[in-house]
Every structure is written in C-alpha cells, then in structure tokens.
Amino acid sequence: MKIDWRPGNMLYPLPAVLVSCANREGEKNLLTVAWTGTLCSDPALCYVSIRPTRKSYQYIKDTGEFVINLTNERLSKATDWCGVRSGRDYDKWKEMGLTPSGSHKLLYAPIVEESPLSIECRVKQVIPLGTHDLFIGEVVNVQVDETFIDAATGAFDEKKASLLVYEHGKYYKTGEFVGKFGWSVERKKQKKQSLNKVKLNKENQ
C-alpha cells in the first residue's frame, strides 16, 4: 500500500557534480549541484539549476560559461564541502586542494583537474523557475581522465571511476553493474535468430 506525501523533489538518485566557473577578471569559483542532467543528444544539451543568491550564479550569467565536473569517492569530501561553504568566504580551490585547469573550448570557466570527466558548456538559455534558475548549456567539449578509459573499448569506465550520486541528503558511489542498454530484449532477439536459422536449415534439407 502506498501513502501520499506532499509534492516535492523525490527524483533520485542524481549526479553530485562540481560546477566550475569564473568571472571576466579571472576569479574562479566552485559550487556543488545535484539539480543537473541531460536535455538533448543532438545538439548535446544539459542543464544546471542554481539559486540566484549563489556567488557562482552571476559569474555564469555574465560569462555564459560553466563546466560540469563529475565526482567520485575521492572527491566526496570536496563535493560536500563546496556545497555548504560560500565562495564569498573561502577560496574553495585552495581549501579542498583542487586544481583549476584550462578549458579547451571556453574562455573563462576552468575544469577541475581531479575530476574523472569534465563537461564544458556554453549557456544557450536561462529560465527563471522560482527558487532556482535553469541554465541550459550546449556541450562544446568533454575532457576525460585517461585513467578511466577502457583500453579495450575506448569507452569511459564508470565502474572504475566510482562516480558519486546524491540521494535525499546522502551521497553514494555507483554500484554493481546490472545490464547494458538493450539487454532486456537481446536474448529474445538471439533466440529468434537461432529459431529462424534452424527453420531455414530444415527447409534446405
């Protein structure tokens, strides 16, 4: 039996990411964001939702740039700390021992060098929603730590990266592999192909 709760954000888990940005004078900042996700594959679009009161908000709005840096277990402390401390009071990069490195396609916003994967975004649209404003970003480049690239396939190894997710006030690292996209119909397809092959062999006898 299910019971009703008041309307709220219960869509979990979500990526726990570090969003990096900078102003036009070169002052860099970080903030932790869980309200983030994919919007479109072609063109590649994603989003972050940020409160207008956050220091990074004005940086991103002014420059039209931000970077979504995926986090992992190694970055769990920094991810939490950067979400509860303000860049107005601390140099988050220095406090957490993180390294700002140059984006390859952006002019201002840096990447987090320690992140397993950094997504460089250019703002296409800002939509005021209420407590947060939605920044729609076009992905202009992705930088991947080669440590987490599968040598055999050239793909990003999510299991090795041990990515961090956020769920109702708690952080978790991603868990056990269940199945790849399309696995639920793969066996049926293979079985059908085998039956068709057997039927064809019989007809040719």
Protein backbone atom coordinates (compact mmCIF):
# COMPACT_ATOMS: atom_id res chain seq x y z
CA MET A 1 0.00 0.00 0.00
CA LYS A 2 1.31 3.44 -0.91
CA ILE A 3 0.71 6.67 1.02
CA ASP A 4 0.68 10.27 -0.25
CA TRP A 5 3.47 12.72 0.53
CA ARG A 6 3.39 16.43 -0.20
CA PRO A 7 4.70 17.37 -3.68
CA GLY A 8 8.48 17.54 -3.63
CA ASN A 9 11.69 16.64 -5.41
CA MET A 10 12.00 12.88 -4.94
CA LEU A 11 13.60 12.02 -8.27
CA TYR A 12 16.68 10.15 -7.04
CA PRO A 13 19.50 9.33 -7.44
CA LEU A 14 21.04 12.36 -9.10
CA PRO A 15 24.60 13.14 -10.14
CA ALA A 16 26.56 15.01 -7.46
CA VAL A 17 28.74 17.33 -9.52
CA LEU A 18 31.12 20.22 -9.00
CA VAL A 19 30.29 23.14 -11.28
CA SER A 20 33.28 25.35 -12.00
CA CYS A 21 33.12 28.88 -13.32
CA ALA A 22 34.95 32.21 -13.34
CA ASN A 23 34.26 35.89 -13.83
CA ARG A 24 35.77 38.04 -16.56
CA GLU A 25 38.55 39.16 -14.20
CA GLY A 26 39.69 35.56 -13.76
CA GLU A 27 38.35 34.91 -10.25
CA LYS A 28 37.35 31.24 -10.12
CA ASN A 29 34.71 29.51 -8.03
CA LEU A 30 33.10 26.12 -7.44
CA LEU A 31 29.67 25.03 -6.31
CA THR A 32 28.08 21.67 -5.72
CA VAL A 33 25.00 20.90 -7.81
CA ALA A 34 22.65 17.94 -7.83
CA TRP A 35 19.91 19.60 -9.88
CA THR A 36 21.60 18.69 -13.16
CA GLY A 37 21.01 16.39 -16.10
CA THR A 38 20.74 15.74 -19.83
CA LEU A 39 18.25 17.53 -22.07
CA CYS A 40 19.11 16.57 -25.64
CA SER A 41 21.61 14.46 -27.56
CA ASP A 42 21.79 16.42 -30.82
CA PRO A 43 22.67 19.15 -30.18
CA ALA A 44 24.22 17.95 -26.92
CA LEU A 45 22.45 19.94 -24.20
CA CYS A 46 22.49 19.65 -20.43
CA TYR A 47 21.45 21.87 -17.55
CA VAL A 48 22.19 23.06 -14.04
CA SER A 49 19.69 24.76 -11.73
CA ILE A 50 21.23 27.38 -9.45
CA ARG A 51 19.84 29.76 -6.85
CA PRO A 52 20.36 33.43 -7.83
CA THR A 53 21.83 34.06 -4.36
CA ARG A 54 24.84 31.84 -5.07
CA LYS A 55 28.10 33.62 -5.89
CA SER A 56 28.64 31.46 -8.97
CA TYR A 57 25.25 32.42 -10.39
CA GLN A 58 26.41 35.88 -11.51
CA TYR A 59 29.69 34.51 -12.89
CA ILE A 60 27.85 32.05 -15.11
CA LYS A 61 25.21 34.56 -16.16
CA ASP A 62 27.82 37.17 -17.09
CA THR A 63 30.26 34.94 -18.98
CA GLY A 64 27.76 32.40 -20.32
CA GLU A 65 30.08 29.53 -19.38
CA PHE A 66 30.26 26.70 -16.88
CA VAL A 67 31.82 23.26 -16.53
CA ILE A 68 30.08 20.21 -15.06
CA ASN A 69 32.74 18.11 -13.34
CA LEU A 70 31.70 14.59 -12.40
CA THR A 71 32.81 13.50 -8.94
CA ASN A 72 33.82 10.20 -7.35
CA GLU A 73 34.59 8.75 -3.94
CA ARG A 74 37.95 10.51 -3.87
CA LEU A 75 36.19 13.86 -4.33
CA SER A 76 33.35 13.17 -1.89
CA LYS A 77 34.64 15.50 0.85
CA ALA A 78 35.23 18.33 -1.60
CA THR A 79 31.81 17.79 -3.14
CA ASP A 80 30.06 18.12 0.20
CA TRP A 81 32.26 20.96 1.49
CA CYS A 82 31.80 23.08 -1.63
CA GLY A 83 28.04 22.72 -1.19
CA VAL A 84 27.92 24.07 2.36
CA ARG A 85 30.58 26.79 2.18
CA SER A 86 30.38 30.03 0.22
CA GLY A 87 32.96 31.30 -2.23
CA ARG A 88 32.42 34.70 -0.64
CA ASP A 89 34.18 33.43 2.49
CA TYR A 90 36.63 30.83 1.17
CA ASP A 91 38.86 30.03 -1.76
CA LYS A 92 37.27 26.65 -2.37
CA TRP A 93 40.01 25.51 -4.74
CA LYS A 94 42.70 26.14 -2.15
CA GLU A 95 40.71 24.79 0.81
CA MET A 96 39.98 21.50 -0.95
CA GLY A 97 43.32 21.15 -2.75
CA LEU A 98 41.71 21.20 -6.19
CA THR A 99 43.42 22.33 -9.37
CA PRO A 100 41.76 24.66 -11.90
CA SER A 101 42.91 23.77 -15.41
CA GLY A 102 42.14 25.40 -18.70
CA SER A 103 39.07 24.51 -20.70
CA HIS A 104 39.77 23.66 -24.32
CA LYS A 105 36.73 25.43 -25.78
CA LEU A 106 35.75 28.03 -23.15
CA LEU A 107 37.32 31.39 -22.47
CA TYR A 108 36.72 31.78 -18.73
CA ALA A 109 35.43 28.70 -16.90
CA PRO A 110 38.11 26.20 -15.81
CA ILE A 111 37.79 22.45 -15.33
CA VAL A 112 38.58 20.58 -12.11
CA GLU A 113 41.74 18.67 -12.96
CA GLU A 114 40.99 15.98 -10.36
CA SER A 115 37.55 15.22 -11.84
CA PRO A 116 37.26 11.97 -13.83
CA LEU A 117 35.25 13.77 -16.53
CA SER A 118 34.59 17.45 -17.21
CA ILE A 119 31.83 18.74 -19.49
CA GLU A 120 32.45 22.21 -20.93
CA CYS A 121 29.21 24.11 -21.50
CA ARG A 122 28.19 27.37 -23.11
CA VAL A 123 24.89 28.89 -21.91
CA LYS A 124 22.13 28.89 -24.52
CA GLN A 125 19.23 29.97 -22.33
CA VAL A 126 18.41 30.96 -18.74
CA ILE A 127 14.92 30.15 -17.48
CA PRO A 128 13.71 31.58 -14.13
CA LEU A 129 11.76 28.87 -12.32
CA GLY A 130 11.28 30.02 -8.72
CA THR A 131 13.88 29.24 -6.08
CA HIS A 132 16.30 28.30 -8.88
CA ASP A 133 17.10 29.47 -12.41
CA LEU A 134 17.70 26.84 -15.07
CA PHE A 135 20.86 27.27 -17.16
CA ILE A 136 20.66 25.31 -20.40
CA GLY A 137 24.14 24.65 -21.67
CA GLU A 138 25.39 23.41 -25.00
CA VAL A 139 28.21 20.91 -24.58
CA VAL A 140 31.17 22.23 -26.56
CA ASN A 141 33.83 19.81 -25.28
CA VAL A 142 34.39 16.92 -22.87
CA GLN A 143 37.69 16.22 -21.12
CA VAL A 144 38.21 12.71 -19.73
CA ASP A 145 40.91 11.45 -17.37
CA GLU A 146 42.64 8.71 -19.36
CA THR A 147 42.89 6.66 -16.14
CA PHE A 148 39.20 5.87 -16.55
CA ILE A 149 39.22 4.96 -20.24
CA ASP A 150 38.82 1.26 -21.01
CA ALA A 151 41.86 0.31 -23.10
CA ALA A 152 39.95 -2.38 -24.99
CA THR A 153 36.88 -0.35 -25.97
CA GLY A 154 37.98 3.27 -25.62
CA ALA A 155 34.85 3.92 -23.56
CA PHE A 156 34.57 5.69 -20.21
CA ASP A 157 34.70 3.09 -17.41
CA GLU A 158 32.02 4.23 -14.96
CA LYS A 159 32.67 1.38 -12.55
CA LYS A 160 36.36 2.19 -12.28
CA ALA A 161 35.56 5.89 -11.85
CA SER A 162 33.23 5.05 -8.92
CA LEU A 163 31.04 8.07 -9.62
CA LEU A 164 29.23 9.88 -6.82
CA VAL A 165 25.44 10.33 -6.70
CA TYR A 166 23.15 12.24 -4.37
CA GLU A 167 20.00 10.76 -2.86
CA HIS A 168 17.77 12.58 -0.38
CA GLY A 169 20.55 14.32 1.55
CA LYS A 170 23.09 11.49 1.27
CA TYR A 171 25.96 10.65 -1.07
CA TYR A 172 26.58 7.20 -2.57
CA LYS A 173 29.07 5.79 -5.02
CA THR A 174 27.64 3.99 -8.02
CA GLY A 175 27.20 0.30 -7.50
CA GLU A 176 27.09 -3.05 -9.22
CA PHE A 177 26.61 -3.40 -12.97
CA VAL A 178 23.13 -4.74 -13.83
CA GLY A 179 22.97 -4.71 -17.62
CA LYS A 180 23.75 -2.67 -20.71
CA PHE A 181 21.23 -0.70 -22.74
CA GLY A 182 19.02 -3.14 -24.64
CA TRP A 183 19.91 -6.22 -22.61
CA SER A 184 16.25 -6.95 -21.81
CA VAL A 185 15.47 -7.80 -25.44
CA GLU A 186 18.85 -9.11 -26.54
CA ARG A 187 18.21 -12.74 -25.54
CA LYS A 188 14.83 -12.79 -27.25
CA LYS A 189 16.42 -11.43 -30.41
CA GLN A 190 19.19 -14.02 -30.31
CA LYS A 191 16.66 -16.80 -29.65
CA LYS A 192 14.52 -15.67 -32.59
CA GLN A 193 17.58 -15.58 -34.86
CA SER A 194 18.53 -19.12 -33.75
CA LEU A 195 15.00 -20.42 -34.42
CA ASN A 196 14.97 -18.79 -37.85
CA LYS A 197 18.32 -20.40 -38.60
CA VAL A 198 17.06 -23.84 -37.55
CA LYS A 199 13.91 -23.38 -39.63
CA LEU A 200 15.96 -22.36 -42.67
CA ASN A 201 18.24 -25.38 -42.29
CA LYS A 202 15.24 -27.72 -42.17
CA GLU A 203 13.75 -26.18 -45.27
CA ASN A 204 17.04 -26.62 -47.12
CA GLN A 205 17.36 -30.29 -46.23
